[in-house]
Amino acid sequence: MVKREDLLKHLSGMSDFERTVLMATFEIPIGKVSTYKRIAEVVGRPRAYRAVGNALHKNPLAPVIPCHRVVRSDGRIVGETREEVEARRNLLEKEGVPVVGNRVKIREEIIY
């Protein structure tokens, strides 16, 4: 089991905002997803959803910090390459998240 204190040590070179985003993402349980917008709201910066995406892009501890569990508000799985999107989709499917194409079927019971 990974401890929060250990994660914070590995994230020491990042900004406070980036660490806060990554730690909020760490809390998303297996089988659940969140959105960039919801993470922005959780960290107290509700309009900073693009900055959330930028912070997740810098995630040095994937998949320990499960950035693959953060999707767009419409459920779309995003990544820089087709392979990255496919890898995220595969991880989500293995975790039991319903995915059709490259979109998570957003339902209340899977949103964290």
PDB file of N, CA and C in Angstrom:
ATOM      1  N   MET A   1       0.842  -1.184   0.000  1.00  0.00           N
ATOM      2  CA  MET A   1       0.000   0.000   0.000  1.00  0.00           C
ATOM      3  C   MET A   1       0.888   1.247   0.000  1.00  0.00           C
ATOM      4  N   VAL A   2       0.634   2.128  -0.901  1.00  0.00           N
ATOM      5  CA  VAL A   2       1.415   3.356  -1.023  1.00  0.00           C
ATOM      6  C   VAL A   2       0.885   4.392  -0.036  1.00  0.00           C
ATOM      7  N   LYS A   3       1.791   5.043   0.674  1.00  0.00           N
ATOM      8  CA  LYS A   3       1.407   6.048   1.659  1.00  0.00           C
ATOM      9  C   LYS A   3       1.486   7.440   1.045  1.00  0.00           C
ATOM     10  N   ARG A   4       0.573   8.301   1.490  1.00  0.00           N
ATOM     11  CA  ARG A   4       0.532   9.681   1.007  1.00  0.00           C
ATOM     12  C   ARG A   4       1.866  10.388   1.227  1.00  0.00           C
ATOM     13  N   GLU A   5       2.486  10.149   2.384  1.00  0.00           N
ATOM     14  CA  GLU A   5       3.752  10.816   2.710  1.00  0.00           C
ATOM     15  C   GLU A   5       4.838  10.452   1.697  1.00  0.00           C
ATOM     16  N   ASP A   6       4.852   9.170   1.298  1.00  0.00           N
ATOM     17  CA  ASP A   6       5.840   8.725   0.312  1.00  0.00           C
ATOM     18  C   ASP A   6       5.598   9.394  -1.040  1.00  0.00           C
ATOM     19  N   LEU A   7       4.329   9.518  -1.419  1.00  0.00           N
ATOM     20  CA  LEU A   7       4.009  10.178  -2.682  1.00  0.00           C
ATOM     21  C   LEU A   7       4.455  11.633  -2.653  1.00  0.00           C
ATOM     22  N   LEU A   8       4.160  12.305  -1.560  1.00  0.00           N
ATOM     23  CA  LEU A   8       4.521  13.721  -1.462  1.00  0.00           C
ATOM     24  C   LEU A   8       6.028  13.924  -1.586  1.00  0.00           C
ATOM     25  N   LYS A   9       6.818  13.002  -1.082  1.00  0.00           N
ATOM     26  CA  LYS A   9       8.278  13.093  -1.227  1.00  0.00           C
ATOM     27  C   LYS A   9       8.667  13.052  -2.709  1.00  0.00           C
ATOM     28  N   HIS A  10       8.014  12.188  -3.468  1.00  0.00           N
ATOM     29  CA  HIS A  10       8.318  12.061  -4.900  1.00  0.00           C
ATOM     30  C   HIS A  10       7.821  13.257  -5.712  1.00  0.00           C
ATOM     31  N   LEU A  11       6.895  14.011  -5.145  1.00  0.00           N
ATOM     32  CA  LEU A  11       6.320  15.157  -5.856  1.00  0.00           C
ATOM     33  C   LEU A  11       6.899  16.483  -5.381  1.00  0.00           C
ATOM     34  N   SER A  12       7.980  16.436  -4.636  1.00  0.00           N
ATOM     35  CA  SER A  12       8.518  17.647  -4.006  1.00  0.00           C
ATOM     36  C   SER A  12       8.959  18.719  -5.007  1.00  0.00           C
ATOM     37  N   GLY A  13       9.311  18.346  -6.212  1.00  0.00           N
ATOM     38  CA  GLY A  13       9.749  19.326  -7.201  1.00  0.00           C
ATOM     39  C   GLY A  13       8.627  19.999  -7.968  1.00  0.00           C
ATOM     40  N   MET A  14       7.398  19.675  -7.621  1.00  0.00           N
ATOM     41  CA  MET A  14       6.251  20.225  -8.346  1.00  0.00           C
ATOM     42  C   MET A  14       5.653  21.399  -7.570  1.00  0.00           C
ATOM     43  N   SER A  15       4.814  22.172  -8.255  1.00  0.00           N
ATOM     44  CA  SER A  15       4.158  23.303  -7.593  1.00  0.00           C
ATOM     45  C   SER A  15       3.105  22.784  -6.610  1.00  0.00           C
ATOM     46  N   ASP A  16       2.680  23.659  -5.706  1.00  0.00           N
ATOM     47  CA  ASP A  16       1.639  23.286  -4.745  1.00  0.00           C
ATOM     48  C   ASP A  16       0.374  22.845  -5.477  1.00  0.00           C
ATOM     49  N   PHE A  17      -0.006  23.583  -6.510  1.00  0.00           N
ATOM     50  CA  PHE A  17      -1.203  23.235  -7.279  1.00  0.00           C
ATOM     51  C   PHE A  17      -1.059  21.847  -7.901  1.00  0.00           C
ATOM     52  N   GLU A  18       0.071  21.583  -8.535  1.00  0.00           N
ATOM     53  CA  GLU A  18       0.291  20.284  -9.176  1.00  0.00           C
ATOM     54  C   GLU A  18       0.234  19.148  -8.150  1.00  0.00           C
ATOM     55  N   ARG A  19       0.870  19.349  -7.004  1.00  0.00           N
ATOM     56  CA  ARG A  19       0.834  18.318  -5.951  1.00  0.00           C
ATOM     57  C   ARG A  19      -0.591  18.096  -5.465  1.00  0.00           C
ATOM     58  N   THR A  20      -1.336  19.168  -5.285  1.00  0.00           N
ATOM     59  CA  THR A  20      -2.716  19.056  -4.813  1.00  0.00           C
ATOM     60  C   THR A  20      -3.568  18.294  -5.815  1.00  0.00           C
ATOM     61  N   VAL A  21      -3.416  18.591  -7.097  1.00  0.00           N
ATOM     62  CA  VAL A  21      -4.151  17.887  -8.145  1.00  0.00           C
ATOM     63  C   VAL A  21      -3.788  16.407  -8.153  1.00  0.00           C
ATOM     64  N   LEU A  22      -2.509  16.109  -8.101  1.00  0.00           N
ATOM     65  CA  LEU A  22      -2.076  14.717  -8.143  1.00  0.00           C
ATOM     66  C   LEU A  22      -2.540  13.945  -6.912  1.00  0.00           C
ATOM     67  N   MET A  23      -2.536  14.566  -5.765  1.00  0.00           N
ATOM     68  CA  MET A  23      -3.002  13.886  -4.560  1.00  0.00           C
ATOM     69  C   MET A  23      -4.517  13.679  -4.602  1.00  0.00           C
ATOM     70  N   ALA A  24      -5.263  14.623  -5.160  1.00  0.00           N
ATOM     71  CA  ALA A  24      -6.711  14.430  -5.327  1.00  0.00           C
ATOM     72  C   ALA A  24      -6.972  13.280  -6.287  1.00  0.00           C
ATOM     73  N   THR A  25      -6.175  13.177  -7.323  1.00  0.00           N
ATOM     74  CA  THR A  25      -6.321  12.093  -8.302  1.00  0.00           C
ATOM     75  C   THR A  25      -5.975  10.754  -7.664  1.00  0.00           C
ATOM     76  N   PHE A  26      -5.011  10.738  -6.768  1.00  0.00           N
ATOM     77  CA  PHE A  26      -4.616   9.516  -6.065  1.00  0.00           C
ATOM     78  C   PHE A  26      -5.792   8.912  -5.293  1.00  0.00           C
ATOM     79  N   GLU A  27      -6.733   9.746  -4.879  1.00  0.00           N
ATOM     80  CA  GLU A  27      -7.878   9.300  -4.081  1.00  0.00           C
ATOM     81  C   GLU A  27      -8.978   8.621  -4.905  1.00  0.00           C
ATOM     82  N   ILE A  28      -8.917   8.711  -6.221  1.00  0.00           N
ATOM     83  CA  ILE A  28      -9.964   8.099  -7.054  1.00  0.00           C
ATOM     84  C   ILE A  28      -9.824   6.583  -6.976  1.00  0.00           C
ATOM     85  N   PRO A  29     -10.861   5.887  -6.478  1.00  0.00           N
ATOM     86  CA  PRO A  29     -10.742   4.435  -6.326  1.00  0.00           C
ATOM     87  C   PRO A  29     -10.863   3.682  -7.653  1.00  0.00           C
ATOM     88  N   ILE A  30     -10.397   2.452  -7.631  1.00  0.00           N
ATOM     89  CA  ILE A  30     -10.534   1.565  -8.787  1.00  0.00           C
ATOM     90  C   ILE A  30     -12.015   1.427  -9.125  1.00  0.00           C
ATOM     91  N   GLY A  31     -12.320   1.475 -10.420  1.00  0.00           N
ATOM     92  CA  GLY A  31     -13.695   1.333 -10.877  1.00  0.00           C
ATOM     93  C   GLY A  31     -14.472   2.632 -10.936  1.00  0.00           C
ATOM     94  N   LYS A  32     -13.832   3.723 -10.551  1.00  0.00           N
ATOM     95  CA  LYS A  32     -14.463   5.042 -10.578  1.00  0.00           C
ATOM     96  C   LYS A  32     -13.652   5.958 -11.487  1.00  0.00           C
ATOM     97  N   VAL A  33     -14.281   7.028 -11.944  1.00  0.00           N
ATOM     98  CA  VAL A  33     -13.588   8.064 -12.717  1.00  0.00           C
ATOM     99  C   VAL A  33     -13.997   9.424 -12.175  1.00  0.00           C
ATOM    100  N   SER A  34     -13.211  10.405 -12.507  1.00  0.00           N
ATOM    101  CA  SER A  34     -13.553  11.789 -12.226  1.00  0.00           C
ATOM    102  C   SER A  34     -13.317  12.565 -13.515  1.00  0.00           C
ATOM    103  N   THR A  35     -13.656  13.835 -13.490  1.00  0.00           N
ATOM    104  CA  THR A  35     -13.428  14.682 -14.664  1.00  0.00           C
ATOM    105  C   THR A  35     -12.437  15.781 -14.289  1.00  0.00           C
ATOM    106  N   TYR A  36     -11.855  16.378 -15.308  1.00  0.00           N
ATOM    107  CA  TYR A  36     -10.934  17.484 -15.068  1.00  0.00           C
ATOM    108  C   TYR A  36     -11.649  18.585 -14.280  1.00  0.00           C
ATOM    109  N   LYS A  37     -12.889  18.837 -14.638  1.00  0.00           N
ATOM    110  CA  LYS A  37     -13.667  19.879 -13.967  1.00  0.00           C
ATOM    111  C   LYS A  37     -13.899  19.535 -12.494  1.00  0.00           C
ATOM    112  N   ARG A  38     -14.257  18.291 -12.203  1.00  0.00           N
ATOM    113  CA  ARG A  38     -14.507  17.891 -10.812  1.00  0.00           C
ATOM    114  C   ARG A  38     -13.224  17.969  -9.984  1.00  0.00           C
ATOM    115  N   ILE A  39     -12.111  17.573 -10.558  1.00  0.00           N
ATOM    116  CA  ILE A  39     -10.839  17.689  -9.828  1.00  0.00           C
ATOM    117  C   ILE A  39     -10.550  19.165  -9.542  1.00  0.00           C
ATOM    118  N   ALA A  40     -10.783  20.034 -10.518  1.00  0.00           N
ATOM    119  CA  ALA A  40     -10.580  21.470 -10.307  1.00  0.00           C
ATOM    120  C   ALA A  40     -11.456  21.974  -9.159  1.00  0.00           C
ATOM    121  N   GLU A  41     -12.688  21.504  -9.098  1.00  0.00           N
ATOM    122  CA  GLU A  41     -13.579  21.902  -8.012  1.00  0.00           C
ATOM    123  C   GLU A  41     -13.075  21.373  -6.670  1.00  0.00           C
ATOM    124  N   VAL A  42     -12.626  20.128  -6.644  1.00  0.00           N
ATOM    125  CA  VAL A  42     -12.125  19.509  -5.412  1.00  0.00           C
ATOM    126  C   VAL A  42     -10.936  20.281  -4.849  1.00  0.00           C
ATOM    127  N   VAL A  43     -10.059  20.755  -5.722  1.00  0.00           N
ATOM    128  CA  VAL A  43      -8.866  21.462  -5.245  1.00  0.00           C
ATOM    129  C   VAL A  43      -9.115  22.962  -5.034  1.00  0.00           C
ATOM    130  N   GLY A  44     -10.371  23.379  -5.180  1.00  0.00           N
ATOM    131  CA  GLY A  44     -10.727  24.762  -4.884  1.00  0.00           C
ATOM    132  C   GLY A  44     -10.465  25.754  -5.998  1.00  0.00           C
ATOM    133  N   ARG A  45     -10.284  25.265  -7.214  1.00  0.00           N
ATOM    134  CA  ARG A  45     -10.047  26.139  -8.367  1.00  0.00           C
ATOM    135  C   ARG A  45     -10.995  25.727  -9.494  1.00  0.00           C
ATOM    136  N   PRO A  46     -12.302  25.969  -9.335  1.00  0.00           N
ATOM    137  CA  PRO A  46     -13.313  25.403 -10.236  1.00  0.00           C
ATOM    138  C   PRO A  46     -13.179  25.754 -11.718  1.00  0.00           C
ATOM    139  N   ARG A  47     -12.483  26.816 -12.034  1.00  0.00           N
ATOM    140  CA  ARG A  47     -12.327  27.172 -13.449  1.00  0.00           C
ATOM    141  C   ARG A  47     -10.982  26.725 -14.020  1.00  0.00           C
ATOM    142  N   ALA A  48     -10.195  26.017 -13.234  1.00  0.00           N
ATOM    143  CA  ALA A  48      -8.835  25.650 -13.628  1.00  0.00           C
ATOM    144  C   ALA A  48      -8.749  24.230 -14.195  1.00  0.00           C
ATOM    145  N   TYR A  49      -9.782  23.794 -14.905  1.00  0.00           N
ATOM    146  CA  TYR A  49      -9.781  22.417 -15.417  1.00  0.00           C
ATOM    147  C   TYR A  49      -8.685  22.184 -16.444  1.00  0.00           C
ATOM    148  N   ARG A  50      -8.310  23.183 -17.213  1.00  0.00           N
ATOM    149  CA  ARG A  50      -7.197  23.004 -18.155  1.00  0.00           C
ATOM    150  C   ARG A  50      -5.871  22.875 -17.408  1.00  0.00           C
ATOM    151  N   ALA A  51      -5.724  23.643 -16.339  1.00  0.00           N
ATOM    152  CA  ALA A  51      -4.516  23.539 -15.515  1.00  0.00           C
ATOM    153  C   ALA A  51      -4.446  22.167 -14.847  1.00  0.00           C
ATOM    154  N   VAL A  52      -5.602  21.604 -14.506  1.00  0.00           N
ATOM    155  CA  VAL A  52      -5.633  20.245 -13.969  1.00  0.00           C
ATOM    156  C   VAL A  52      -5.065  19.280 -15.005  1.00  0.00           C
ATOM    157  N   GLY A  53      -5.489  19.429 -16.254  1.00  0.00           N
ATOM    158  CA  GLY A  53      -4.963  18.583 -17.325  1.00  0.00           C
ATOM    159  C   GLY A  53      -3.460  18.726 -17.469  1.00  0.00           C
ATOM    160  N   ASN A  54      -2.968  19.942 -17.376  1.00  0.00           N
ATOM    161  CA  ASN A  54      -1.517  20.166 -17.470  1.00  0.00           C
ATOM    162  C   ASN A  54      -0.777  19.516 -16.308  1.00  0.00           C
ATOM    163  N   ALA A  55      -1.336  19.605 -15.109  1.00  0.00           N
ATOM    164  CA  ALA A  55      -0.702  18.975 -13.947  1.00  0.00           C
ATOM    165  C   ALA A  55      -0.676  17.458 -14.110  1.00  0.00           C
ATOM    166  N   LEU A  56      -1.770  16.888 -14.589  1.00  0.00           N
ATOM    167  CA  LEU A  56      -1.823  15.440 -14.784  1.00  0.00           C
ATOM    168  C   LEU A  56      -0.863  14.989 -15.878  1.00  0.00           C
ATOM    169  N   HIS A  57      -0.653  15.843 -16.859  1.00  0.00           N
ATOM    170  CA  HIS A  57       0.295  15.530 -17.929  1.00  0.00           C
ATOM    171  C   HIS A  57       1.715  15.357 -17.377  1.00  0.00           C
ATOM    172  N   LYS A  58       2.000  16.021 -16.263  1.00  0.00           N
ATOM    173  CA  LYS A  58       3.327  15.956 -15.639  1.00  0.00           C
ATOM    174  C   LYS A  58       3.437  14.839 -14.600  1.00  0.00           C
ATOM    175  N   ASN A  59       2.421  14.017 -14.471  1.00  0.00           N
ATOM    176  CA  ASN A  59       2.379  12.974 -13.446  1.00  0.00           C
ATOM    177  C   ASN A  59       3.578  12.034 -13.562  1.00  0.00           C
ATOM    178  N   PRO A  60       4.496  12.084 -12.587  1.00  0.00           N
ATOM    179  CA  PRO A  60       5.674  11.216 -12.649  1.00  0.00           C
ATOM    180  C   PRO A  60       5.429   9.822 -12.069  1.00  0.00           C
ATOM    181  N   LEU A  61       4.244   9.602 -11.499  1.00  0.00           N
ATOM    182  CA  LEU A  61       3.990   8.357 -10.791  1.00  0.00           C
ATOM    183  C   LEU A  61       2.799   7.563 -11.335  1.00  0.00           C
ATOM    184  N   ALA A  62       2.530   7.702 -12.613  1.00  0.00           N
ATOM    185  CA  ALA A  62       1.450   6.904 -13.214  1.00  0.00           C
ATOM    186  C   ALA A  62       1.906   5.459 -13.298  1.00  0.00           C
ATOM    187  N   PRO A  63       1.103   4.492 -13.063  1.00  0.00           N
ATOM    188  CA  PRO A  63      -0.306   4.523 -12.688  1.00  0.00           C
ATOM    189  C   PRO A  63      -0.562   4.528 -11.191  1.00  0.00           C
ATOM    190  N   VAL A  64       0.483   4.707 -10.350  1.00  0.00           N
ATOM    191  CA  VAL A  64       0.251   4.799  -8.906  1.00  0.00           C
ATOM    192  C   VAL A  64      -0.700   5.957  -8.618  1.00  0.00           C
ATOM    193  N   ILE A  65      -0.435   7.100  -9.227  1.00  0.00           N
ATOM    194  CA  ILE A  65      -1.402   8.194  -9.228  1.00  0.00           C
ATOM    195  C   ILE A  65      -2.170   8.017 -10.534  1.00  0.00           C
ATOM    196  N   PRO A  66      -3.421   7.550 -10.443  1.00  0.00           N
ATOM    197  CA  PRO A  66      -4.154   7.060 -11.610  1.00  0.00           C
ATOM    198  C   PRO A  66      -4.766   8.142 -12.489  1.00  0.00           C
ATOM    199  N   CYS A  67      -3.930   8.861 -13.215  1.00  0.00           N
ATOM    200  CA  CYS A  67      -4.443   9.916 -14.087  1.00  0.00           C
ATOM    201  C   CYS A  67      -5.334   9.355 -15.195  1.00  0.00           C
ATOM    202  N   HIS A  68      -5.225   8.049 -15.466  1.00  0.00           N
ATOM    203  CA  HIS A  68      -6.102   7.442 -16.473  1.00  0.00           C
ATOM    204  C   HIS A  68      -7.560   7.451 -16.022  1.00  0.00           C
ATOM    205  N   ARG A  69      -7.804   7.683 -14.744  1.00  0.00           N
ATOM    206  CA  ARG A  69      -9.173   7.720 -14.219  1.00  0.00           C
ATOM    207  C   ARG A  69      -9.804   9.106 -14.323  1.00  0.00           C
ATOM    208  N   VAL A  70      -9.116  10.052 -14.947  1.00  0.00           N
ATOM    209  CA  VAL A  70      -9.658  11.396 -15.142  1.00  0.00           C
ATOM    210  C   VAL A  70      -9.971  11.557 -16.620  1.00  0.00           C
ATOM    211  N   VAL A  71     -11.234  11.886 -16.909  1.00  0.00           N
ATOM    212  CA  VAL A  71     -11.708  12.003 -18.289  1.00  0.00           C
ATOM    213  C   VAL A  71     -12.383  13.357 -18.480  1.00  0.00           C
ATOM    214  N   ARG A  72     -12.687  13.657 -19.724  1.00  0.00           N
ATOM    215  CA  ARG A  72     -13.429  14.894 -20.009  1.00  0.00           C
ATOM    216  C   ARG A  72     -14.851  14.780 -19.469  1.00  0.00           C
ATOM    217  N   SER A  73     -15.518  15.896 -19.326  1.00  0.00           N
ATOM    218  CA  SER A  73     -16.887  15.899 -18.795  1.00  0.00           C
ATOM    219  C   SER A  73     -17.851  15.095 -19.657  1.00  0.00           C
ATOM    220  N   ASP A  74     -17.545  14.957 -20.941  1.00  0.00           N
ATOM    221  CA  ASP A  74     -18.400  14.161 -21.823  1.00  0.00           C
ATOM    222  C   ASP A  74     -17.998  12.676 -21.826  1.00  0.00           C
ATOM    223  N   GLY A  75     -17.036  12.317 -20.978  1.00  0.00           N
ATOM    224  CA  GLY A  75     -16.595  10.934 -20.859  1.00  0.00           C
ATOM    225  C   GLY A  75     -15.439  10.556 -21.766  1.00  0.00           C
ATOM    226  N   ARG A  76     -15.045  11.456 -22.631  1.00  0.00           N
ATOM    227  CA  ARG A  76     -13.979  11.131 -23.584  1.00  0.00           C
ATOM    228  C   ARG A  76     -12.638  10.921 -22.885  1.00  0.00           C
ATOM    229  N   ILE A  77     -11.961   9.864 -23.281  1.00  0.00           N
ATOM    230  CA  ILE A  77     -10.621   9.565 -22.793  1.00  0.00           C
ATOM    231  C   ILE A  77      -9.644  10.303 -23.692  1.00  0.00           C
ATOM    232  N   VAL A  78      -8.752  11.073 -23.095  1.00  0.00           N
ATOM    233  CA  VAL A  78      -7.835  11.863 -23.903  1.00  0.00           C
ATOM    234  C   VAL A  78      -6.384  11.474 -23.627  1.00  0.00           C
ATOM    235  N   GLY A  79      -5.543  11.778 -24.585  1.00  0.00           N
ATOM    236  CA  GLY A  79      -4.119  11.546 -24.489  1.00  0.00           C
ATOM    237  C   GLY A  79      -3.452  12.184 -25.690  1.00  0.00           C
ATOM    238  N   GLU A  80      -2.148  12.252 -25.662  1.00  0.00           N
ATOM    239  CA  GLU A  80      -1.414  12.891 -26.752  1.00  0.00           C
ATOM    240  C   GLU A  80      -1.356  12.042 -28.009  1.00  0.00           C
ATOM    241  N   THR A  81      -1.394  10.718 -27.833  1.00  0.00           N
ATOM    242  CA  THR A  81      -1.321   9.826 -28.984  1.00  0.00           C
ATOM    243  C   THR A  81      -2.448   8.812 -28.922  1.00  0.00           C
ATOM    244  N   ARG A  82      -2.702   8.195 -30.038  1.00  0.00           N
ATOM    245  CA  ARG A  82      -3.715   7.137 -30.111  1.00  0.00           C
ATOM    246  C   ARG A  82      -3.347   5.991 -29.163  1.00  0.00           C
ATOM    247  N   GLU A  83      -2.062   5.682 -29.088  1.00  0.00           N
ATOM    248  CA  GLU A  83      -1.598   4.605 -28.214  1.00  0.00           C
ATOM    249  C   GLU A  83      -1.851   4.932 -26.744  1.00  0.00           C
ATOM    250  N   GLU A  84      -1.645   6.187 -26.382  1.00  0.00           N
ATOM    251  CA  GLU A  84      -1.875   6.612 -25.003  1.00  0.00           C
ATOM    252  C   GLU A  84      -3.355   6.496 -24.644  1.00  0.00           C
ATOM    253  N   VAL A  85      -4.220   6.916 -25.545  1.00  0.00           N
ATOM    254  CA  VAL A  85      -5.665   6.796 -25.323  1.00  0.00           C
ATOM    255  C   VAL A  85      -6.052   5.327 -25.195  1.00  0.00           C
ATOM    256  N   GLU A  86      -5.519   4.502 -26.055  1.00  0.00           N
ATOM    257  CA  GLU A  86      -5.813   3.067 -26.016  1.00  0.00           C
ATOM    258  C   GLU A  86      -5.340   2.441 -24.705  1.00  0.00           C
ATOM    259  N   ALA A  87      -4.153   2.812 -24.246  1.00  0.00           N
ATOM    260  CA  ALA A  87      -3.633   2.285 -22.984  1.00  0.00           C
ATOM    261  C   ALA A  87      -4.526   2.699 -21.817  1.00  0.00           C
ATOM    262  N   ARG A  88      -4.975   3.938 -21.796  1.00  0.00           N
ATOM    263  CA  ARG A  88      -5.866   4.411 -20.736  1.00  0.00           C
ATOM    264  C   ARG A  88      -7.202   3.674 -20.796  1.00  0.00           C
ATOM    265  N   ARG A  89      -7.715   3.510 -21.999  1.00  0.00           N
ATOM    266  CA  ARG A  89      -8.977   2.782 -22.162  1.00  0.00           C
ATOM    267  C   ARG A  89      -8.835   1.352 -21.634  1.00  0.00           C
ATOM    268  N   ASN A  90      -7.731   0.693 -21.965  1.00  0.00           N
ATOM    269  CA  ASN A  90      -7.507  -0.675 -21.504  1.00  0.00           C
ATOM    270  C   ASN A  90      -7.433  -0.752 -19.982  1.00  0.00           C
ATOM    271  N   LEU A  91      -6.740   0.197 -19.354  1.00  0.00           N
ATOM    272  CA  LEU A  91      -6.667   0.225 -17.892  1.00  0.00           C
ATOM    273  C   LEU A  91      -8.058   0.401 -17.285  1.00  0.00           C
ATOM    274  N   LEU A  92      -8.837   1.319 -17.832  1.00  0.00           N
ATOM    275  CA  LEU A  92     -10.182   1.552 -17.305  1.00  0.00           C
ATOM    276  C   LEU A  92     -11.060   0.318 -17.462  1.00  0.00           C
ATOM    277  N   GLU A  93     -10.981  -0.321 -18.622  1.00  0.00           N
ATOM    278  CA  GLU A  93     -11.780  -1.530 -18.842  1.00  0.00           C
ATOM    279  C   GLU A  93     -11.380  -2.627 -17.855  1.00  0.00           C
ATOM    280  N   LYS A  94     -10.081  -2.807 -17.598  1.00  0.00           N
ATOM    281  CA  LYS A  94      -9.613  -3.811 -16.631  1.00  0.00           C
ATOM    282  C   LYS A  94     -10.117  -3.510 -15.225  1.00  0.00           C
ATOM    283  N   GLU A  95     -10.335  -2.230 -14.934  1.00  0.00           N
ATOM    284  CA  GLU A  95     -10.827  -1.820 -13.622  1.00  0.00           C
ATOM    285  C   GLU A  95     -12.347  -1.876 -13.522  1.00  0.00           C
ATOM    286  N   GLY A  96     -13.011  -2.279 -14.608  1.00  0.00           N
ATOM    287  CA  GLY A  96     -14.461  -2.423 -14.585  1.00  0.00           C
ATOM    288  C   GLY A  96     -15.250  -1.185 -14.950  1.00  0.00           C
ATOM    289  N   VAL A  97     -14.592  -0.191 -15.510  1.00  0.00           N
ATOM    290  CA  VAL A  97     -15.275   1.035 -15.925  1.00  0.00           C
ATOM    291  C   VAL A  97     -15.887   0.786 -17.300  1.00  0.00           C
ATOM    292  N   PRO A  98     -17.177   1.091 -17.474  1.00  0.00           N
ATOM    293  CA  PRO A  98     -17.814   0.879 -18.776  1.00  0.00           C
ATOM    294  C   PRO A  98     -17.316   1.883 -19.818  1.00  0.00           C
ATOM    295  N   VAL A  99     -16.754   1.351 -20.901  1.00  0.00           N
ATOM    296  CA  VAL A  99     -16.194   2.182 -21.962  1.00  0.00           C
ATOM    297  C   VAL A  99     -16.774   1.730 -23.292  1.00  0.00           C
ATOM    298  N   VAL A 100     -17.193   2.701 -24.098  1.00  0.00           N
ATOM    299  CA  VAL A 100     -17.640   2.432 -25.464  1.00  0.00           C
ATOM    300  C   VAL A 100     -16.792   3.307 -26.367  1.00  0.00           C
ATOM    301  N   GLY A 101     -16.050   2.662 -27.260  1.00  0.00           N
ATOM    302  CA  GLY A 101     -15.115   3.414 -28.096  1.00  0.00           C
ATOM    303  C   GLY A 101     -14.060   4.031 -27.193  1.00  0.00           C
ATOM    304  N   ASN A 102     -13.919   5.343 -27.275  1.00  0.00           N
ATOM    305  CA  ASN A 102     -12.968   6.054 -26.415  1.00  0.00           C
ATOM    306  C   ASN A 102     -13.685   6.958 -25.420  1.00  0.00           C
ATOM    307  N   ARG A 103     -14.888   6.520 -25.011  1.00  0.00           N
ATOM    308  CA  ARG A 103     -15.655   7.283 -24.031  1.00  0.00           C
ATOM    309  C   ARG A 103     -16.100   6.390 -22.882  1.00  0.00           C
ATOM    310  N   VAL A 104     -15.969   6.942 -21.693  1.00  0.00           N
ATOM    311  CA  VAL A 104     -16.518   6.277 -20.519  1.00  0.00           C
ATOM    312  C   VAL A 104     -18.010   6.569 -20.505  1.00  0.00           C
ATOM    313  N   LYS A 105     -18.796   5.551 -20.227  1.00  0.00           N
ATOM    314  CA  LYS A 105     -20.238   5.751 -20.071  1.00  0.00           C
ATOM    315  C   LYS A 105     -20.458   6.357 -18.693  1.00  0.00           C
ATOM    316  N   ILE A 106     -20.571   7.679 -18.663  1.00  0.00           N
ATOM    317  CA  ILE A 106     -20.694   8.413 -17.404  1.00  0.00           C
ATOM    318  C   ILE A 106     -22.036   8.073 -16.758  1.00  0.00           C
ATOM    319  N   ARG A 107     -21.940   7.512 -15.557  1.00  0.00           N
ATOM    320  CA  ARG A 107     -23.110   7.216 -14.739  1.00  0.00           C
ATOM    321  C   ARG A 107     -22.785   7.644 -13.315  1.00  0.00           C
ATOM    322  N   GLU A 108     -23.805   8.003 -12.586  1.00  0.00           N
ATOM    323  CA  GLU A 108     -23.605   8.504 -11.218  1.00  0.00           C
ATOM    324  C   GLU A 108     -22.792   7.549 -10.351  1.00  0.00           C
ATOM    325  N   GLU A 109     -22.995   6.250 -10.505  1.00  0.00           N
ATOM    326  CA  GLU A 109     -22.305   5.289  -9.629  1.00  0.00           C
ATOM    327  C   GLU A 109     -20.817   5.134  -9.908  1.00  0.00           C
ATOM    328  N   ILE A 110     -20.330   5.644 -11.031  1.00  0.00           N
ATOM    329  CA  ILE A 110     -18.887   5.528 -11.294  1.00  0.00           C
ATOM    330  C   ILE A 110     -18.143   6.866 -11.147  1.00  0.00           C
ATOM    331  N   ILE A 111     -18.889   7.944 -10.938  1.00  0.00           N
ATOM    332  CA  ILE A 111     -18.245   9.256 -10.781  1.00  0.00           C
ATOM    333  C   ILE A 111     -17.770   9.422  -9.353  1.00  0.00           C
ATOM    334  N   TYR A 112     -16.526   9.850  -9.236  1.00  0.00           N
ATOM    335  CA  TYR A 112     -15.949  10.098  -7.910  1.00  0.00           C
ATOM    336  C   TYR A 112     -15.743  11.572  -7.730  1.00  0.00           C
TER     337      TYR A 112
END
